[in-house]
């Protein structure tokens, strides 16, 4: 059950984060974010790609930590026990 809850929360967190990063890109650059990730686009530039790769990595990393914390709190509230430890702990 823990695996299912954490997987669903992680997937939802990643989808929300992706949309937020794309919204942020549109706000900053006033153009579609698809061109920066498409090497065949005339507007593709390595500098933009690297910048947004870093921003995306930070955003997704933050989302993973946030969703893991939220899921752990939900688990504690529902079961009154600590969440199971993963293999990496």
Protein backbone atom coordinates (compact mmCIF):
# COMPACT_ATOMS: atom_id res chain seq x y z
CA UNK A 1 0.00 0.00 0.00
CA UNK A 2 2.87 2.37 0.81
CA UNK A 3 4.40 1.78 -2.62
CA UNK A 4 1.11 2.58 -4.35
CA UNK A 5 0.53 5.75 -2.34
CA UNK A 6 4.04 7.07 -2.87
CA UNK A 7 4.03 6.21 -6.58
CA UNK A 8 0.72 7.96 -7.24
CA UNK A 9 1.80 11.02 -5.24
CA UNK A 10 5.12 11.13 -7.09
CA UNK A 11 3.44 10.96 -10.49
CA UNK A 12 0.97 13.71 -9.58
CA UNK A 13 3.76 15.85 -8.15
CA UNK A 14 5.82 15.44 -11.34
CA UNK A 15 2.87 16.39 -13.56
CA UNK A 16 2.09 19.48 -11.49
CA UNK A 17 5.74 20.51 -11.42
CA UNK A 18 6.09 20.11 -15.18
CA UNK A 19 3.11 22.39 -15.75
CA UNK A 20 4.47 24.96 -13.31
CA UNK A 21 7.89 24.95 -14.99
CA UNK A 22 6.29 25.43 -18.42
CA UNK A 23 4.11 28.24 -17.05
CA UNK A 24 7.18 29.87 -15.53
CA UNK A 25 9.01 29.56 -18.86
CA UNK A 26 6.13 31.18 -20.76
CA UNK A 27 6.05 34.00 -18.20
CA UNK A 28 9.79 34.66 -18.43
CA UNK A 29 10.38 34.11 -22.15
CA UNK A 30 6.96 35.00 -23.64
CA UNK A 31 7.16 32.01 -26.01
CA UNK A 32 6.25 28.35 -26.13
CA UNK A 33 8.52 26.15 -24.01
CA UNK A 34 8.50 23.44 -26.68
CA UNK A 35 11.04 25.24 -28.88
CA UNK A 36 13.73 25.21 -26.20
CA UNK A 37 13.55 21.42 -25.92
CA UNK A 38 13.27 20.64 -29.64
CA UNK A 39 16.72 20.56 -31.36
CA UNK A 40 15.02 20.82 -34.78
CA UNK A 41 13.41 24.16 -33.90
CA UNK A 42 14.90 27.35 -35.32
CA UNK A 43 14.70 28.92 -31.84
CA UNK A 44 16.66 26.11 -30.16
CA UNK A 45 19.78 27.32 -28.34
CA UNK A 46 22.10 25.25 -26.18
CA UNK A 47 22.33 27.99 -23.54
CA UNK A 48 18.54 28.07 -23.11
CA UNK A 49 18.37 24.28 -23.10
CA UNK A 50 21.01 23.98 -20.36
CA UNK A 51 19.39 26.73 -18.27
CA UNK A 52 15.98 25.07 -18.39
CA UNK A 53 17.46 21.61 -17.82
CA UNK A 54 18.92 22.91 -14.54
CA UNK A 55 15.67 24.68 -13.61
CA UNK A 56 13.68 21.53 -14.44
CA UNK A 57 16.01 19.34 -12.39
CA UNK A 58 15.72 21.63 -9.38
CA UNK A 59 11.94 21.81 -9.78
CA UNK A 60 11.49 18.05 -10.06
CA UNK A 61 13.88 17.40 -7.18
CA UNK A 62 11.95 19.82 -5.00
CA UNK A 63 8.67 18.20 -6.04
CA UNK A 64 10.00 14.74 -5.14
CA UNK A 65 11.01 15.86 -1.65
CA UNK A 66 7.70 17.69 -1.14
CA UNK A 67 5.54 14.78 -2.28
CA UNK A 68 7.55 12.31 -0.17
CA UNK A 69 6.94 14.48 2.90
CA UNK A 70 3.24 14.87 2.13
CA UNK A 71 2.81 11.12 1.61
CA UNK A 72 4.65 10.36 4.86
CA UNK A 73 2.37 12.74 6.78
CA UNK A 74 -0.70 11.14 5.17
CA UNK A 75 0.59 7.67 6.07
CA UNK A 76 1.15 8.70 9.70
CA UNK A 77 -2.34 10.20 9.93
CA UNK A 78 -4.00 7.15 8.37
CA UNK A 79 -2.09 4.37 10.14
CA UNK A 80 -0.60 6.03 13.25
CA UNK A 81 2.73 4.37 12.38
CA UNK A 82 5.91 5.47 10.64
CA UNK A 83 6.08 4.86 6.89
CA UNK A 84 8.07 1.81 5.76
CA UNK A 85 11.75 2.41 5.02
CA UNK A 86 12.91 2.07 1.43
CA UNK A 87 15.76 -0.07 0.17
CA UNK A 88 18.02 2.99 -0.09
CA UNK A 89 17.73 3.85 3.61
